[in-house]
Protein backbone atom coordinates (compact mmCIF):
# COMPACT_ATOMS: atom_id res chain seq x y z
CA MET A 1 71.57 -141.46 112.08
CA LYS A 2 69.72 -139.14 109.74
CA SER A 3 66.29 -139.88 111.23
CA ASP A 4 64.86 -137.70 113.99
CA LEU A 5 64.75 -140.05 116.99
CA ALA A 6 62.45 -137.66 118.85
CA LEU A 7 59.70 -138.95 116.55
CA LEU A 8 60.32 -142.58 117.56
CA THR A 9 57.25 -144.47 118.78
CA VAL A 10 57.50 -147.93 120.40
CA ASN A 11 54.52 -150.09 119.42
CA LYS A 12 55.41 -153.58 120.65
CA VAL A 13 58.09 -155.17 122.83
CA ILE A 14 58.94 -158.84 123.24
CA ILE A 15 61.57 -160.32 125.56
CA HIS A 16 63.45 -163.62 125.20
CA GLU A 17 65.94 -164.96 127.72
CA VAL A 18 69.21 -166.19 126.20
CA PRO A 19 71.20 -167.97 128.95
CA LYS A 20 74.91 -168.58 129.11
CA HIS A 21 75.96 -171.97 127.83
CA SER A 22 79.05 -173.85 126.67
CA LYS A 23 79.71 -174.35 122.99
CA HIS A 24 80.34 -178.03 123.83
CA GLY A 25 76.86 -178.39 125.28
CA GLY A 26 75.36 -177.93 128.72
CA GLY A 27 73.54 -175.00 130.22
CA ASN A 28 69.92 -174.00 129.94
CA ALA A 29 67.96 -173.58 126.73
CA PRO A 30 66.54 -170.21 125.70
CA ILE A 31 63.26 -169.13 127.26
CA TYR A 32 61.07 -167.70 124.51
CA SER A 33 58.02 -165.51 124.96
CA GLU A 34 54.96 -166.72 123.09
CA VAL A 35 53.45 -163.25 122.73
CA GLU A 36 54.66 -159.67 123.05
CA SER A 37 54.65 -158.17 126.55
CA PRO A 38 51.82 -155.85 127.66
CA LEU A 39 52.97 -152.29 126.94
CA ASP A 40 51.52 -149.19 128.58
CA GLN A 41 52.39 -145.54 127.96
CA ASP A 42 54.95 -145.34 130.78
CA LEU A 43 56.83 -148.41 129.53
CA ALA A 44 56.73 -147.19 125.93
CA GLU A 45 58.24 -143.87 127.05
CA PHE A 46 60.82 -145.74 129.13
CA PHE A 47 62.08 -147.72 126.11
CA HIS A 48 61.84 -144.59 123.97
CA GLY A 49 64.16 -142.80 126.38
CA LYS A 50 66.61 -145.73 126.47
CA MET A 51 66.80 -145.80 122.67
CA ILE A 52 67.33 -142.06 122.31
CA GLY A 53 69.84 -141.91 125.16
CA SER A 54 71.97 -144.71 123.72
CA LEU A 55 71.78 -143.85 120.04
CA GLY A 56 72.33 -140.17 120.71
CA SER A 57 75.51 -140.77 122.69
CA SER A 58 79.14 -140.73 121.57
CA LYS A 59 79.12 -144.55 121.80
CA SER A 60 76.66 -144.83 118.91
CA PHE A 61 77.88 -145.50 115.37
CA ASP A 62 76.11 -145.63 112.02
CA ILE A 63 76.00 -149.14 110.59
CA CYS A 64 74.86 -150.93 107.44
CA ILE A 65 74.14 -154.49 106.35
CA ASP A 66 77.28 -156.49 105.50
CA SER A 67 76.52 -158.76 102.53
CA THR A 68 79.53 -160.95 103.35
CA CYS A 69 78.16 -162.01 106.77
CA THR A 70 76.17 -165.20 107.22
CA SER A 71 73.91 -163.92 110.00
CA PRO A 72 70.18 -164.51 109.33
CA VAL A 73 69.25 -161.23 111.07
CA PRO A 74 69.25 -159.01 107.92
CA GLU A 75 66.86 -161.37 106.14
CA LEU A 76 64.63 -161.53 109.22
CA LEU A 77 64.70 -157.72 109.44
CA THR A 78 63.53 -157.43 105.86
CA LYS A 79 60.84 -160.06 106.36
CA HIS A 80 59.37 -158.15 109.30
CA LEU A 81 59.79 -154.57 108.15
CA ARG A 82 58.56 -155.18 104.61
CA SER A 83 55.45 -157.09 105.77
CA VAL A 84 52.38 -156.29 107.83
CA GLY A 85 54.20 -157.60 110.91
CA ASN A 86 51.97 -160.57 111.71
CA GLU A 87 55.00 -162.87 112.15
CA PHE A 88 56.66 -160.61 114.72
CA VAL A 89 56.83 -163.21 117.50
CA GLU A 90 58.24 -166.01 115.33
CA ILE A 91 60.79 -163.71 113.71
CA THR A 92 62.04 -162.49 117.09
CA LYS A 93 62.36 -166.11 118.30
CA LYS A 94 64.61 -166.85 115.33
CA ILE A 95 66.74 -163.80 116.13
CA ALA A 96 67.08 -164.97 119.75
CA GLU A 97 67.85 -168.52 118.61
CA HIS A 98 70.64 -167.21 116.37
CA LEU A 99 72.14 -165.28 119.30
CA TYR A 100 72.01 -168.42 121.47
CA ASN A 101 73.67 -170.55 118.78
CA ILE A 102 76.65 -168.25 118.25
CA GLN A 103 77.35 -167.67 121.94
CA ASP A 104 79.80 -169.81 123.85
CA GLY A 105 81.06 -169.98 127.40
CA THR A 106 82.75 -166.59 127.15
CA ASN A 107 79.51 -164.72 126.40
CA PRO A 108 77.37 -163.77 129.39
CA GLY A 109 73.75 -164.78 129.44
CA GLY A 110 71.04 -162.19 129.38
CA LEU A 111 67.88 -160.91 127.80
CA LEU A 112 67.08 -159.97 124.24
CA ALA A 113 64.43 -157.27 123.86
CA ILE A 114 63.07 -156.64 120.37
CA LEU A 115 60.97 -153.55 119.73
CA ASP A 116 58.59 -152.91 116.87
CA CYS A 117 58.74 -149.15 116.27
CA VAL A 118 57.84 -146.40 113.84
CA ILE A 119 59.36 -143.01 113.02
CA SER A 120 56.88 -140.82 111.15
CA ASP A 121 55.61 -143.26 108.50
CA ASN A 122 58.77 -145.38 108.48
CA ARG A 123 58.75 -148.74 110.25
CA ALA A 124 61.68 -149.65 112.47
CA LEU A 125 63.01 -152.50 114.60
CA GLY A 126 65.06 -152.08 117.76
CA ILE A 127 67.23 -154.80 119.29
CA ILE A 128 68.57 -154.59 122.86
CA LYS A 129 70.98 -157.19 124.27
CA LEU A 130 71.04 -156.85 128.03
CA GLU A 131 73.27 -158.64 130.52
CA LYS A 132 71.30 -159.96 133.51
CA GLU A 133 72.92 -159.86 136.93
CA GLU A 134 73.61 -163.14 138.67
CA GLY A 135 70.82 -164.09 141.06
CA VAL A 136 68.10 -162.12 139.28
CA ARG A 137 65.29 -164.53 138.42
CA LEU A 138 62.59 -163.53 136.00
CA GLU A 139 59.45 -165.58 135.65
CA GLN A 140 57.04 -165.46 132.77
CA LYS A 141 53.37 -164.68 133.20
CA LEU A 142 50.32 -165.42 131.12
CA HIS A 143 49.06 -162.78 128.70
CA LYS A 144 46.31 -163.70 126.28
CA ASN A 145 46.77 -167.26 127.60
CA GLN A 146 50.36 -167.28 126.38
CA ARG A 147 53.62 -166.96 128.32
CA THR A 148 55.62 -163.73 128.25
CA PHE A 149 57.76 -161.51 130.50
CA ASP A 150 56.24 -158.72 132.61
CA LEU A 151 57.94 -155.50 131.54
CA HIS A 152 57.19 -153.79 134.86
CA VAL A 153 59.16 -156.47 136.71
CA LEU A 154 61.89 -156.35 134.08
CA ARG A 155 62.20 -152.58 134.43
CA ASP A 156 62.35 -152.71 138.22
CA LEU A 157 64.92 -155.55 138.41
CA VAL A 158 67.04 -155.12 135.30
CA LEU A 159 66.29 -152.06 133.16
CA THR A 160 66.87 -149.49 135.89
CA GLU A 161 68.09 -145.97 135.27
CA HIS A 162 71.55 -147.15 136.36
CA THR A 163 71.76 -149.99 133.84
CA ARG A 164 74.81 -149.43 131.63
CA VAL A 165 75.77 -152.87 130.34
CA TYR A 166 73.81 -153.40 127.18
CA LYS A 167 74.12 -153.27 123.43
CA LEU A 168 71.50 -151.74 121.21
CA ALA A 169 70.73 -151.42 117.50
CA LEU A 170 67.96 -149.68 115.57
CA PHE A 171 67.02 -150.23 111.93
CA ILE A 172 64.70 -147.75 110.19
CA THR A 173 63.29 -148.34 106.72
CA VAL A 174 64.24 -145.87 103.99
CA PRO A 175 61.32 -144.99 101.66
CA GLY A 176 61.86 -146.16 98.10
CA ASN A 177 65.02 -148.08 98.98
CA ASP A 178 64.16 -151.69 99.83
CA GLY A 179 66.83 -153.52 101.79
CA ASP A 180 68.54 -150.32 102.92
CA TYR A 181 68.18 -148.88 106.41
CA ASP A 182 69.02 -145.82 108.41
CA ALA A 183 70.72 -147.81 111.15
CA ALA A 184 72.94 -147.34 114.17
CA ALA A 185 74.31 -149.43 117.03
CA SER A 186 75.67 -148.55 120.45
CA ASP A 187 77.50 -150.38 123.20
CA ASN A 188 77.02 -148.67 126.56
CA GLN A 189 79.77 -150.78 128.09
CA THR A 190 82.70 -150.29 125.75
CA GLY A 191 81.62 -148.44 122.60
CA TYR A 192 83.22 -149.51 119.34
CA GLY A 193 86.69 -148.22 120.14
CA SER A 194 87.82 -151.79 120.66
CA TYR A 195 86.38 -152.52 117.22
CA ASN A 196 87.80 -155.99 116.57
CA GLU A 197 86.65 -157.36 119.93
CA VAL A 198 83.17 -155.88 120.11
CA ALA A 199 82.13 -155.52 116.49
CA SER A 200 83.16 -159.03 115.48
CA PHE A 201 80.52 -160.52 117.77
CA PHE A 202 77.54 -158.19 118.29
CA LEU A 203 77.83 -156.16 115.11
CA SER A 204 79.12 -158.74 112.66
CA ARG A 205 78.34 -162.28 113.87
CA PHE A 206 75.01 -161.44 115.48
CA LEU A 207 73.53 -158.55 113.47
CA GLY A 208 75.30 -159.26 110.17
CA CYS A 209 76.35 -155.62 109.91
CA LYS A 210 79.44 -153.44 109.71
CA LEU A 211 80.27 -149.81 110.38
CA GLN A 212 78.87 -147.63 107.62
CA LYS A 213 82.29 -146.15 106.97
CA GLU A 214 85.52 -147.98 107.76
CA PRO A 215 87.44 -146.28 110.63
CA VAL A 216 90.54 -145.62 108.51
CA ILE A 217 88.43 -143.77 105.89
CA ALA A 218 86.28 -141.93 108.42
CA THR A 219 89.42 -140.71 110.24
CA LYS A 220 90.99 -139.47 107.00
CA HIS A 221 87.81 -137.68 105.89
CA PHE A 222 87.37 -136.05 109.30
CA TYR A 223 90.95 -134.78 109.34
CA GLU A 224 90.88 -133.46 105.77
CA THR A 225 87.43 -131.86 106.08
CA THR A 226 88.39 -130.18 109.36
CA GLU A 227 91.62 -128.81 107.92
CA ALA A 228 89.78 -127.46 104.87
CA PHE A 229 87.11 -125.87 107.08
CA ILE A 230 89.72 -124.14 109.24
CA ASN A 231 91.54 -122.67 106.25
CA ALA A 232 88.31 -121.53 104.59
CA GLN A 233 86.42 -120.15 107.61
CA VAL A 234 89.08 -118.80 109.98
CA GLU A 235 90.71 -115.55 108.83
CA ASP A 236 93.09 -114.86 111.69
CA PRO A 237 96.38 -116.71 110.95
CA ILE A 238 97.23 -117.29 114.61
CA GLU A 239 93.78 -118.74 115.34
CA ARG A 240 94.04 -120.88 112.23
CA ILE A 241 97.23 -122.43 113.56
CA GLN A 242 95.66 -122.95 116.98
CA TYR A 243 92.71 -124.82 115.47
CA HIS A 244 95.09 -126.88 113.35
CA ASN A 245 96.91 -127.87 116.54
CA HIS A 246 93.57 -128.86 118.08
CA VAL A 247 92.77 -131.32 115.31
CA VAL A 248 96.29 -132.79 115.43
CA ALA A 249 95.94 -133.21 119.20
CA GLU A 250 92.56 -134.91 118.71
CA MET A 251 94.03 -137.35 116.22
CA LEU A 252 96.99 -138.14 118.50
CA SER A 253 94.99 -138.41 121.73
CA GLN A 254 94.54 -141.71 123.56
CA SER A 255 90.79 -141.70 123.00
CA PRO A 256 89.91 -144.62 120.69
CA THR A 257 86.93 -142.80 119.17
CA VAL A 258 86.02 -139.37 117.83
CA SER A 259 82.77 -137.56 118.57
CA THR A 260 82.46 -134.69 116.09
CA GLU A 261 80.05 -132.73 118.29
CA GLN A 262 82.32 -133.02 121.33
CA PHE A 263 85.29 -131.94 119.22
CA ALA A 264 83.34 -128.92 117.96
CA GLU A 265 82.36 -127.93 121.50
CA ASN A 266 85.90 -128.32 122.83
CA CYS A 267 87.79 -126.66 120.00
CA PHE A 268 85.63 -124.11 118.17
CA PRO A 269 83.85 -120.95 119.36
CA VAL A 270 80.04 -121.00 119.35
CA GLU A 271 79.76 -119.08 116.09
CA LEU A 272 81.71 -121.76 114.17
CA ARG A 273 80.32 -124.97 115.68
CA LYS A 274 77.09 -125.36 113.72
CA ASN A 275 78.76 -124.58 110.39
CA PHE A 276 81.53 -127.05 111.20
CA VAL A 277 79.11 -129.88 112.07
CA ASN A 278 77.05 -129.11 108.95
CA GLU A 279 80.19 -129.29 106.81
CA LEU A 280 81.07 -132.70 108.23
CA GLU A 281 77.54 -133.94 107.53
CA ALA A 282 77.72 -132.61 103.97
CA LYS A 283 80.96 -134.57 103.47
CA ASP A 284 79.39 -137.75 104.94
CA VAL A 285 81.71 -137.81 107.93
CA PRO A 286 80.08 -139.95 110.68
CA ALA A 287 79.08 -138.18 113.89
CA ASN A 288 81.04 -140.82 115.86
CA PHE A 289 83.67 -143.25 114.64
CA PRO A 290 86.57 -145.40 115.90
CA LYS A 291 89.88 -143.71 115.19
CA ASN A 292 92.42 -145.20 112.79
CA ARG A 293 95.32 -142.89 111.79
CA GLU A 294 96.92 -145.20 109.24
CA LEU A 295 96.30 -142.91 106.23
CA ILE A 296 97.20 -139.63 107.97
CA ASP A 297 100.12 -140.57 110.24
CA LYS A 298 102.68 -138.74 108.07
CA LYS A 299 100.59 -135.56 108.03
CA LEU A 300 100.40 -135.57 111.81
CA LYS A 301 104.18 -135.43 112.17
CA LYS A 302 104.75 -132.13 110.34
CA THR A 303 102.99 -128.81 109.72
CA LEU A 304 103.09 -126.90 106.42
CA TYR A 305 102.95 -123.09 106.46
CA GLU A 306 102.15 -121.91 102.93
CA PHE A 307 102.17 -118.20 102.02
CA HIS A 308 100.61 -116.31 99.09
CA SER A 309 104.05 -115.44 97.71
CA GLY A 310 104.86 -119.13 97.23
CA ILE A 311 106.97 -119.48 100.37
CA ARG A 312 106.45 -122.87 102.04
CA VAL A 313 107.84 -123.75 105.46
CA ILE A 314 107.57 -127.31 106.81
CA THR A 315 108.21 -127.88 110.51
CA PRO A 316 108.22 -131.04 112.67
CA ASN A 317 105.38 -131.07 115.21
CA ASP A 318 107.68 -132.17 118.02
CA LEU A 319 109.80 -128.99 117.99
CA ASP A 320 110.63 -127.33 121.29
CA ASP A 321 108.49 -124.33 122.15
CA GLY A 322 110.02 -121.10 120.90
CA ARG A 323 111.61 -122.45 117.70
CA ILE A 324 108.74 -121.08 115.59
CA LYS A 325 107.13 -117.70 116.22
CA LEU A 326 104.23 -116.22 114.26
CA THR A 327 103.15 -112.60 114.41
CA THR A 328 100.27 -110.82 112.66
CA LEU A 329 101.43 -107.49 111.24
CA ASP A 330 99.36 -104.30 110.90
CA ASN A 331 99.17 -104.70 107.11
CA GLY A 332 97.51 -108.12 107.46
CA GLU A 333 100.62 -110.12 106.61
CA THR A 334 102.01 -112.83 108.87
CA LYS A 335 105.62 -112.90 110.01
CA LEU A 336 107.11 -116.33 110.66
CA GLU A 337 110.39 -116.48 112.57
CA VAL A 338 112.56 -119.57 112.87
CA GLN A 339 115.17 -119.78 115.61
CA ASP A 340 117.66 -122.59 114.98
CA ARG A 341 121.12 -123.41 113.63
CA LEU A 342 121.19 -123.48 109.80
CA LYS A 343 122.19 -126.93 108.62
CA GLU A 344 122.46 -126.40 104.82
CA VAL A 345 121.10 -124.49 101.82
CA ARG A 346 120.42 -126.26 98.52
CA GLY A 347 118.27 -126.10 95.44
CA LYS A 348 114.99 -127.98 95.25
């Protein structure tokens, strides 16, 4: 996200219970709050910390509205955030009703917390989908003669510091750009590495959103921007090759996602990290994204060594150690030695 989440202020919170039910019928109906829950400073700071902690993690991904989805949530977002907010309760009920309608027997029941927020002068809406443990019973209380959930009880029984199983999204209005949001979503249980499984329900079917940049494009842009940065900013030839190997290893690792800040910390010295992250931001590379190597697979199998004289050497990346040796000479040139049996020589 481009917005500074440290400036986030939580103004109102409302909770609806969305129970598990079968798509063929049966199960309990949703329990809606009739008014927002009483919110004191401690609770506001608690939700503030949850939002920042989740959206600032490596499991948070920038998202945008998907015009091809049929979810009513984008329209309800616009209705609330572009108005004075006097229909907050009814709008949140419709969001909870939509979640209930699309769930089936495979989706666990839980709670839906919707937060009316502001960042500087920009209005925002937060949505938290929380799984409730079996056996935990929450009862509504009267507030302003209307039924709602007590956030103190909710925090003590469900939203503890150890709670990890929840999904969260935040939408922040962009001045002068109606219908567009600075938005992100996180899944503290799985992240969006398993994109098809997780995103198809919470991100797509429920929120009506998609990742801001498709994983295959984000992966390609990250790889190409990192390679260009290494060649432009690293003078020592041996270090340049080492950093190249780092990015190849990152792309080939078993991790389903890439965190650009974690990569910078693991692979670059302190003096290069900030410039590297700034370069990625300038090229619109997401801070976190699911990895998809489809467009760069061929590049990950070989390495090109290109010299100022026009000499080009291409080597497979799965060579045994010792086949290629690079040495930096006193005159600044680089000596590349190849140890192997010569197969053939031909024109090209």
